[in-house]
Amino acid sequence: MLSRTAFQSKTIVTDLVLPSETNPINNLFGGELLARMDRAASIAARRHSRRIVVTASVNHVAFNRSVPLGSVVTIEAKVSRAFTSSMEVYMDVWIEDRESGECIKANEAIYTFVAVDETGRPVKVPELVPESKLEKERFDAALRRKQLSLVLAGKMKPIDATELKALFE
Protein backbone atom coordinates (compact mmCIF):
# COMPACT_ATOMS: atom_id res chain seq x y z
CA MET A 1 0.00 0.00 0.00
CA LEU A 2 1.51 3.31 -1.07
CA SER A 3 1.84 6.15 1.42
CA ARG A 4 0.08 9.46 0.80
CA THR A 5 0.67 13.09 1.73
CA ALA A 6 -1.62 15.43 3.60
CA PHE A 7 -1.96 17.51 0.45
CA GLN A 8 -3.54 14.55 -1.33
CA SER A 9 -6.38 14.56 1.22
CA LYS A 10 -6.84 18.33 1.26
CA THR A 11 -10.49 19.29 1.15
CA ILE A 12 -11.83 22.82 1.00
CA VAL A 13 -15.52 23.49 1.57
CA THR A 14 -16.80 27.04 1.21
CA ASP A 15 -20.36 28.06 2.02
CA LEU A 16 -22.52 30.99 3.08
CA VAL A 17 -24.19 31.36 6.49
CA LEU A 18 -27.96 31.64 5.94
CA PRO A 19 -30.64 32.93 8.36
CA SER A 20 -32.04 29.44 9.09
CA GLU A 21 -28.58 28.36 10.34
CA THR A 22 -28.18 31.07 12.98
CA ASN A 23 -29.06 31.54 16.62
CA PRO A 24 -31.06 34.49 18.04
CA ILE A 25 -28.02 36.78 17.87
CA ASN A 26 -27.45 35.96 14.20
CA ASN A 27 -24.38 33.77 14.58
CA LEU A 28 -23.96 30.31 13.03
CA PHE A 29 -25.16 27.51 15.32
CA GLY A 30 -22.22 25.52 16.69
CA GLY A 31 -23.95 22.29 15.67
CA GLU A 32 -24.26 23.53 12.11
CA LEU A 33 -20.53 24.21 12.01
CA LEU A 34 -19.83 20.77 13.52
CA ALA A 35 -21.88 19.13 10.74
CA ARG A 36 -20.06 21.10 8.04
CA MET A 37 -16.72 20.12 9.56
CA ASP A 38 -17.81 16.47 9.72
CA ARG A 39 -18.59 16.49 6.00
CA ALA A 40 -15.30 18.19 5.07
CA ALA A 41 -13.28 15.86 7.30
CA SER A 42 -15.01 12.77 5.96
CA ILE A 43 -14.10 13.76 2.40
CA ALA A 44 -10.47 14.27 3.45
CA ALA A 45 -10.39 10.86 5.18
CA ARG A 46 -12.00 9.19 2.18
CA ARG A 47 -9.47 10.81 -0.17
CA HIS A 48 -6.64 9.48 1.97
CA SER A 49 -7.97 5.96 2.43
CA ARG A 50 -10.01 5.56 -0.76
CA ARG A 51 -12.48 3.64 1.40
CA ILE A 52 -15.81 4.18 3.13
CA VAL A 53 -15.14 6.15 6.33
CA VAL A 54 -17.10 6.63 9.52
CA THR A 55 -16.68 9.28 12.20
CA ALA A 56 -15.07 7.70 15.25
CA SER A 57 -14.71 10.78 17.43
CA VAL A 58 -14.69 14.53 17.63
CA ASN A 59 -11.45 15.01 19.52
CA HIS A 60 -11.22 18.77 19.74
CA VAL A 61 -13.25 21.79 18.71
CA ALA A 62 -12.32 25.38 19.44
CA PHE A 63 -15.01 27.96 18.78
CA ASN A 64 -12.68 30.95 18.95
CA ARG A 65 -14.80 33.41 16.95
CA SER A 66 -18.47 33.61 16.22
CA VAL A 67 -19.48 33.26 12.60
CA PRO A 68 -22.03 35.98 11.73
CA LEU A 69 -25.00 35.70 9.41
CA GLY A 70 -23.99 36.28 5.81
CA SER A 71 -20.37 35.22 6.38
CA VAL A 72 -18.49 33.20 3.82
CA VAL A 73 -17.08 30.22 5.75
CA THR A 74 -14.24 28.08 4.44
CA ILE A 75 -13.25 24.79 6.06
CA GLU A 76 -9.88 23.35 5.14
CA ALA A 77 -9.46 19.71 6.15
CA LYS A 78 -6.41 17.46 5.81
CA VAL A 79 -5.46 14.11 7.26
CA SER A 80 -2.82 14.84 9.88
CA ARG A 81 -1.88 11.24 10.67
CA ALA A 82 -2.95 7.75 9.68
CA PHE A 83 -2.79 4.80 12.03
CA THR A 84 -3.81 1.20 11.29
CA SER A 85 -7.41 1.83 10.21
CA SER A 86 -8.01 5.27 11.69
CA MET A 87 -7.09 8.73 10.50
CA GLU A 88 -6.92 11.98 12.38
CA VAL A 89 -8.22 14.93 10.36
CA TYR A 90 -7.26 18.47 11.34
CA MET A 91 -9.46 21.35 10.22
CA ASP A 92 -9.01 25.09 10.08
CA VAL A 93 -12.13 27.24 9.72
CA TRP A 94 -11.86 30.66 8.13
CA ILE A 95 -14.33 33.50 7.76
CA GLU A 96 -13.98 36.08 5.05
CA ASP A 97 -14.27 39.75 5.99
CA ARG A 98 -17.13 41.18 3.93
CA GLU A 99 -15.40 44.45 3.13
CA SER A 100 -11.71 43.63 2.83
CA GLY A 101 -11.97 40.02 1.69
CA GLU A 102 -9.33 39.11 4.29
CA CYS A 103 -9.63 35.58 5.67
CA ILE A 104 -9.55 35.31 9.46
CA LYS A 105 -9.11 32.01 11.29
CA ALA A 106 -12.25 31.53 13.34
CA ASN A 107 -12.12 27.94 14.58
CA GLU A 108 -10.28 24.66 14.42
CA ALA A 109 -11.16 21.06 15.05
CA ILE A 110 -9.76 17.55 15.08
CA TYR A 111 -11.90 14.55 14.14
CA THR A 112 -11.01 10.87 13.89
CA PHE A 113 -12.34 8.59 11.16
CA VAL A 114 -12.07 4.86 10.62
CA ALA A 115 -11.94 3.29 7.17
CA VAL A 116 -14.29 0.33 6.79
CA ASP A 117 -15.23 -2.24 4.19
CA GLU A 118 -18.76 -2.79 2.86
CA THR A 119 -19.67 -4.79 5.97
CA GLY A 120 -18.47 -2.07 8.36
CA ARG A 121 -15.27 -3.83 9.42
CA PRO A 122 -12.15 -1.66 9.85
CA VAL A 123 -9.58 -1.87 7.06
CA LYS A 124 -5.96 -0.82 6.83
CA VAL A 125 -5.23 2.69 5.52
CA PRO A 126 -2.14 4.09 3.79
CA GLU A 127 0.60 5.68 5.85
CA LEU A 128 0.72 9.50 5.84
CA VAL A 129 3.97 11.28 5.04
CA PRO A 130 3.97 14.87 6.34
CA GLU A 131 5.81 17.42 4.22
CA SER A 132 5.55 20.96 5.63
CA LYS A 133 6.64 22.09 9.08
CA LEU A 134 3.00 22.47 10.18
CA GLU A 135 2.11 19.02 8.84
CA LYS A 136 5.03 17.52 10.77
CA GLU A 137 3.95 19.28 13.98
CA ARG A 138 0.39 18.05 13.58
CA PHE A 139 1.63 14.54 12.68
CA ASP A 140 3.73 14.32 15.86
CA ALA A 141 0.97 15.75 18.04
CA ALA A 142 -1.53 13.24 16.65
CA LEU A 143 0.34 10.36 18.27
CA ARG A 144 0.30 12.14 21.64
CA ARG A 145 -3.46 12.75 21.29
CA LYS A 146 -4.03 9.10 20.38
CA GLN A 147 -2.02 7.86 23.35
CA LEU A 148 -3.88 10.21 25.70
CA SER A 149 -7.20 8.97 24.34
CA LEU A 150 -6.14 5.34 24.81
CA VAL A 151 -4.96 6.01 28.38
CA LEU A 152 -8.20 7.78 29.26
CA ALA A 153 -10.23 4.91 27.77
CA GLY A 154 -8.24 2.38 29.79
CA LYS A 155 -6.86 0.76 26.63
CA MET A 156 -3.25 1.77 27.30
CA LYS A 157 -1.30 1.89 30.54
CA PRO A 158 0.07 5.37 31.30
CA ILE A 159 3.54 3.87 31.65
CA ASP A 160 3.36 2.76 27.99
CA ALA A 161 2.39 6.22 26.68
CA THR A 162 5.94 7.09 25.64
CA GLU A 163 4.99 10.18 23.65
CA LEU A 164 3.14 11.65 26.62
CA LYS A 165 5.93 10.86 29.06
CA ALA A 166 8.40 12.59 26.74
CA LEU A 167 6.51 15.86 27.23
CA PHE A 168 7.35 15.87 30.93
CA GLU A 169 10.95 14.68 30.86
C-alpha atoms as a PDB file:
ATOM      1  CA  MET A   1       0.000   0.000   0.000  1.00  0.00           C
ATOM      2  CA  LEU A   2       1.511   3.311  -1.074  1.00  0.00           C
ATOM      3  CA  SER A   3       1.840   6.147   1.416  1.00  0.00           C
ATOM      4  CA  ARG A   4       0.076   9.456   0.799  1.00  0.00           C
ATOM      5  CA  THR A   5       0.669  13.085   1.727  1.00  0.00           C
ATOM      6  CA  ALA A   6      -1.622  15.432   3.605  1.00  0.00           C
ATOM      7  CA  PHE A   7      -1.956  17.505   0.448  1.00  0.00           C
ATOM      8  CA  GLN A   8      -3.542  14.549  -1.331  1.00  0.00           C
ATOM      9  CA  SER A   9      -6.376  14.560   1.221  1.00  0.00           C
ATOM     10  CA  LYS A  10      -6.836  18.333   1.263  1.00  0.00           C
ATOM     11  CA  THR A  11     -10.494  19.286   1.146  1.00  0.00           C
ATOM     12  CA  ILE A  12     -11.829  22.823   0.996  1.00  0.00           C
ATOM     13  CA  VAL A  13     -15.516  23.485   1.571  1.00  0.00           C
ATOM     14  CA  THR A  14     -16.805  27.039   1.211  1.00  0.00           C
ATOM     15  CA  ASP A  15     -20.361  28.065   2.024  1.00  0.00           C
ATOM     16  CA  LEU A  16     -22.515  30.992   3.077  1.00  0.00           C
ATOM     17  CA  VAL A  17     -24.186  31.360   6.491  1.00  0.00           C
ATOM     18  CA  LEU A  18     -27.956  31.644   5.943  1.00  0.00           C
ATOM     19  CA  PRO A  19     -30.644  32.932   8.361  1.00  0.00           C
ATOM     20  CA  SER A  20     -32.035  29.440   9.089  1.00  0.00           C
ATOM     21  CA  GLU A  21     -28.581  28.358  10.337  1.00  0.00           C
ATOM     22  CA  THR A  22     -28.176  31.065  12.977  1.00  0.00           C
ATOM     23  CA  ASN A  23     -29.058  31.539  16.622  1.00  0.00           C
ATOM     24  CA  PRO A  24     -31.063  34.493  18.042  1.00  0.00           C
ATOM     25  CA  ILE A  25     -28.020  36.783  17.869  1.00  0.00           C
ATOM     26  CA  ASN A  26     -27.453  35.960  14.199  1.00  0.00           C
ATOM     27  CA  ASN A  27     -24.376  33.767  14.581  1.00  0.00           C
ATOM     28  CA  LEU A  28     -23.960  30.313  13.034  1.00  0.00           C
ATOM     29  CA  PHE A  29     -25.161  27.513  15.319  1.00  0.00           C
ATOM     30  CA  GLY A  30     -22.225  25.515  16.690  1.00  0.00           C
ATOM     31  CA  GLY A  31     -23.949  22.285  15.674  1.00  0.00           C
ATOM     32  CA  GLU A  32     -24.262  23.528  12.110  1.00  0.00           C
ATOM     33  CA  LEU A  33     -20.532  24.213  12.012  1.00  0.00           C
ATOM     34  CA  LEU A  34     -19.830  20.767  13.516  1.00  0.00           C
ATOM     35  CA  ALA A  35     -21.879  19.132  10.741  1.00  0.00           C
ATOM     36  CA  ARG A  36     -20.063  21.104   8.045  1.00  0.00           C
ATOM     37  CA  MET A  37     -16.720  20.122   9.558  1.00  0.00           C
ATOM     38  CA  ASP A  38     -17.808  16.471   9.719  1.00  0.00           C
ATOM     39  CA  ARG A  39     -18.586  16.489   6.000  1.00  0.00           C
ATOM     40  CA  ALA A  40     -15.305  18.190   5.066  1.00  0.00           C
ATOM     41  CA  ALA A  41     -13.282  15.863   7.298  1.00  0.00           C
ATOM     42  CA  SER A  42     -15.011  12.766   5.960  1.00  0.00           C
ATOM     43  CA  ILE A  43     -14.103  13.758   2.404  1.00  0.00           C
ATOM     44  CA  ALA A  44     -10.465  14.268   3.446  1.00  0.00           C
ATOM     45  CA  ALA A  45     -10.389  10.861   5.177  1.00  0.00           C
ATOM     46  CA  ARG A  46     -11.996   9.194   2.181  1.00  0.00           C
ATOM     47  CA  ARG A  47      -9.471  10.813  -0.169  1.00  0.00           C
ATOM     48  CA  HIS A  48      -6.643   9.485   1.969  1.00  0.00           C
ATOM     49  CA  SER A  49      -7.970   5.959   2.431  1.00  0.00           C
ATOM     50  CA  ARG A  50     -10.011   5.556  -0.765  1.00  0.00           C
ATOM     51  CA  ARG A  51     -12.484   3.644   1.401  1.00  0.00           C
ATOM     52  CA  ILE A  52     -15.812   4.179   3.134  1.00  0.00           C
ATOM     53  CA  VAL A  53     -15.138   6.147   6.330  1.00  0.00           C
ATOM     54  CA  VAL A  54     -17.102   6.630   9.518  1.00  0.00           C
ATOM     55  CA  THR A  55     -16.677   9.279  12.195  1.00  0.00           C
ATOM     56  CA  ALA A  56     -15.074   7.700  15.249  1.00  0.00           C
ATOM     57  CA  SER A  57     -14.710  10.780  17.431  1.00  0.00           C
ATOM     58  CA  VAL A  58     -14.691  14.528  17.626  1.00  0.00           C
ATOM     59  CA  ASN A  59     -11.449  15.012  19.517  1.00  0.00           C
ATOM     60  CA  HIS A  60     -11.224  18.770  19.744  1.00  0.00           C
ATOM     61  CA  VAL A  61     -13.247  21.785  18.706  1.00  0.00           C
ATOM     62  CA  ALA A  62     -12.317  25.380  19.441  1.00  0.00           C
ATOM     63  CA  PHE A  63     -15.010  27.964  18.777  1.00  0.00           C
ATOM     64  CA  ASN A  64     -12.677  30.955  18.951  1.00  0.00           C
ATOM     65  CA  ARG A  65     -14.799  33.412  16.954  1.00  0.00           C
ATOM     66  CA  SER A  66     -18.469  33.610  16.225  1.00  0.00           C
ATOM     67  CA  VAL A  67     -19.483  33.261  12.596  1.00  0.00           C
ATOM     68  CA  PRO A  68     -22.029  35.977  11.727  1.00  0.00           C
ATOM     69  CA  LEU A  69     -25.004  35.695   9.413  1.00  0.00           C
ATOM     70  CA  GLY A  70     -23.989  36.282   5.811  1.00  0.00           C
ATOM     71  CA  SER A  71     -20.374  35.218   6.376  1.00  0.00           C
ATOM     72  CA  VAL A  72     -18.489  33.201   3.818  1.00  0.00           C
ATOM     73  CA  VAL A  73     -17.077  30.218   5.746  1.00  0.00           C
ATOM     74  CA  THR A  74     -14.239  28.075   4.443  1.00  0.00           C
ATOM     75  CA  ILE A  75     -13.255  24.795   6.061  1.00  0.00           C
ATOM     76  CA  GLU A  76      -9.875  23.354   5.140  1.00  0.00           C
ATOM     77  CA  ALA A  77      -9.455  19.715   6.153  1.00  0.00           C
ATOM     78  CA  LYS A  78      -6.406  17.457   5.815  1.00  0.00           C
ATOM     79  CA  VAL A  79      -5.461  14.111   7.259  1.00  0.00           C
ATOM     80  CA  SER A  80      -2.824  14.845   9.883  1.00  0.00           C
ATOM     81  CA  ARG A  81      -1.884  11.236  10.668  1.00  0.00           C
ATOM     82  CA  ALA A  82      -2.946   7.750   9.677  1.00  0.00           C
ATOM     83  CA  PHE A  83      -2.794   4.795  12.032  1.00  0.00           C
ATOM     84  CA  THR A  84      -3.811   1.202  11.289  1.00  0.00           C
ATOM     85  CA  SER A  85      -7.407   1.834  10.209  1.00  0.00           C
ATOM     86  CA  SER A  86      -8.013   5.268  11.694  1.00  0.00           C
ATOM     87  CA  MET A  87      -7.089   8.731  10.497  1.00  0.00           C
ATOM     88  CA  GLU A  88      -6.917  11.985  12.385  1.00  0.00           C
ATOM     89  CA  VAL A  89      -8.215  14.927  10.358  1.00  0.00           C
ATOM     90  CA  TYR A  90      -7.259  18.466  11.335  1.00  0.00           C
ATOM     91  CA  MET A  91      -9.459  21.349  10.219  1.00  0.00           C
ATOM     92  CA  ASP A  92      -9.011  25.087  10.084  1.00  0.00           C
ATOM     93  CA  VAL A  93     -12.127  27.238   9.724  1.00  0.00           C
ATOM     94  CA  TRP A  94     -11.860  30.658   8.125  1.00  0.00           C
ATOM     95  CA  ILE A  95     -14.329  33.499   7.756  1.00  0.00           C
ATOM     96  CA  GLU A  96     -13.980  36.076   5.048  1.00  0.00           C
ATOM     97  CA  ASP A  97     -14.266  39.745   5.988  1.00  0.00           C
ATOM     98  CA  ARG A  98     -17.127  41.183   3.932  1.00  0.00           C
ATOM     99  CA  GLU A  99     -15.404  44.446   3.133  1.00  0.00           C
ATOM    100  CA  SER A 100     -11.707  43.635   2.827  1.00  0.00           C
ATOM    101  CA  GLY A 101     -11.969  40.017   1.687  1.00  0.00           C
ATOM    102  CA  GLU A 102      -9.330  39.114   4.289  1.00  0.00           C
ATOM    103  CA  CYS A 103      -9.634  35.583   5.674  1.00  0.00           C
ATOM    104  CA  ILE A 104      -9.552  35.307   9.464  1.00  0.00           C
ATOM    105  CA  LYS A 105      -9.110  32.006  11.289  1.00  0.00           C
ATOM    106  CA  ALA A 106     -12.247  31.527  13.340  1.00  0.00           C
ATOM    107  CA  ASN A 107     -12.121  27.943  14.584  1.00  0.00           C
ATOM    108  CA  GLU A 108     -10.284  24.664  14.415  1.00  0.00           C
ATOM    109  CA  ALA A 109     -11.156  21.064  15.048  1.00  0.00           C
ATOM    110  CA  ILE A 110      -9.760  17.549  15.076  1.00  0.00           C
ATOM    111  CA  TYR A 111     -11.896  14.545  14.141  1.00  0.00           C
ATOM    112  CA  THR A 112     -11.005  10.867  13.890  1.00  0.00           C
ATOM    113  CA  PHE A 113     -12.342   8.592  11.164  1.00  0.00           C
ATOM    114  CA  VAL A 114     -12.073   4.855  10.617  1.00  0.00           C
ATOM    115  CA  ALA A 115     -11.935   3.288   7.168  1.00  0.00           C
ATOM    116  CA  VAL A 116     -14.289   0.335   6.787  1.00  0.00           C
ATOM    117  CA  ASP A 117     -15.230  -2.241   4.188  1.00  0.00           C
ATOM    118  CA  GLU A 118     -18.756  -2.787   2.857  1.00  0.00           C
ATOM    119  CA  THR A 119     -19.670  -4.790   5.966  1.00  0.00           C
ATOM    120  CA  GLY A 120     -18.469  -2.075   8.357  1.00  0.00           C
ATOM    121  CA  ARG A 121     -15.267  -3.827   9.420  1.00  0.00           C
ATOM    122  CA  PRO A 122     -12.152  -1.665   9.845  1.00  0.00           C
ATOM    123  CA  VAL A 123      -9.583  -1.873   7.056  1.00  0.00           C
ATOM    124  CA  LYS A 124      -5.959  -0.816   6.825  1.00  0.00           C
ATOM    125  CA  VAL A 125      -5.230   2.686   5.523  1.00  0.00           C
ATOM    126  CA  PRO A 126      -2.143   4.088   3.787  1.00  0.00           C
ATOM    127  CA  GLU A 127       0.602   5.683   5.851  1.00  0.00           C
ATOM    128  CA  LEU A 128       0.717   9.497   5.838  1.00  0.00           C
ATOM    129  CA  VAL A 129       3.966  11.278   5.037  1.00  0.00           C
ATOM    130  CA  PRO A 130       3.970  14.866   6.341  1.00  0.00           C
ATOM    131  CA  GLU A 131       5.810  17.424   4.223  1.00  0.00           C
ATOM    132  CA  SER A 132       5.547  20.959   5.631  1.00  0.00           C
ATOM    133  CA  LYS A 133       6.636  22.090   9.082  1.00  0.00           C
ATOM    134  CA  LEU A 134       2.996  22.474  10.178  1.00  0.00           C
ATOM    135  CA  GLU A 135       2.106  19.022   8.839  1.00  0.00           C
ATOM    136  CA  LYS A 136       5.035  17.522  10.769  1.00  0.00           C
ATOM    137  CA  GLU A 137       3.954  19.282  13.977  1.00  0.00           C
ATOM    138  CA  ARG A 138       0.385  18.049  13.580  1.00  0.00           C
ATOM    139  CA  PHE A 139       1.626  14.542  12.678  1.00  0.00           C
ATOM    140  CA  ASP A 140       3.733  14.316  15.859  1.00  0.00           C
ATOM    141  CA  ALA A 141       0.968  15.753  18.043  1.00  0.00           C
ATOM    142  CA  ALA A 142      -1.535  13.235  16.649  1.00  0.00           C
ATOM    143  CA  LEU A 143       0.338  10.360  18.273  1.00  0.00           C
ATOM    144  CA  ARG A 144       0.295  12.142  21.638  1.00  0.00           C
ATOM    145  CA  ARG A 145      -3.457  12.746  21.288  1.00  0.00           C
ATOM    146  CA  LYS A 146      -4.031   9.103  20.378  1.00  0.00           C
ATOM    147  CA  GLN A 147      -2.016   7.864  23.346  1.00  0.00           C
ATOM    148  CA  LEU A 148      -3.877  10.209  25.697  1.00  0.00           C
ATOM    149  CA  SER A 149      -7.198   8.967  24.342  1.00  0.00           C
ATOM    150  CA  LEU A 150      -6.145   5.344  24.811  1.00  0.00           C
ATOM    151  CA  VAL A 151      -4.957   6.007  28.375  1.00  0.00           C
ATOM    152  CA  LEU A 152      -8.205   7.781  29.265  1.00  0.00           C
ATOM    153  CA  ALA A 153     -10.227   4.915  27.771  1.00  0.00           C
ATOM    154  CA  GLY A 154      -8.241   2.378  29.793  1.00  0.00           C
ATOM    155  CA  LYS A 155      -6.863   0.761  26.632  1.00  0.00           C
ATOM    156  CA  MET A 156      -3.245   1.771  27.302  1.00  0.00           C
ATOM    157  CA  LYS A 157      -1.300   1.893  30.537  1.00  0.00           C
ATOM    158  CA  PRO A 158       0.074   5.369  31.304  1.00  0.00           C
ATOM    159  CA  ILE A 159       3.543   3.869  31.646  1.00  0.00           C
ATOM    160  CA  ASP A 160       3.357   2.762  27.989  1.00  0.00           C
ATOM    161  CA  ALA A 161       2.388   6.215  26.679  1.00  0.00           C
ATOM    162  CA  THR A 162       5.935   7.089  25.637  1.00  0.00           C
ATOM    163  CA  GLU A 163       4.995  10.180  23.654  1.00  0.00           C
ATOM    164  CA  LEU A 164       3.137  11.648  26.619  1.00  0.00           C
ATOM    165  CA  LYS A 165       5.931  10.856  29.060  1.00  0.00           C
ATOM    166  CA  ALA A 166       8.397  12.590  26.741  1.00  0.00           C
ATOM    167  CA  LEU A 167       6.506  15.862  27.226  1.00  0.00           C
ATOM    168  CA  PHE A 168       7.352  15.867  30.929  1.00  0.00           C
ATOM    169  CA  GLU A 169      10.946  14.678  30.857  1.00  0.00           C
END
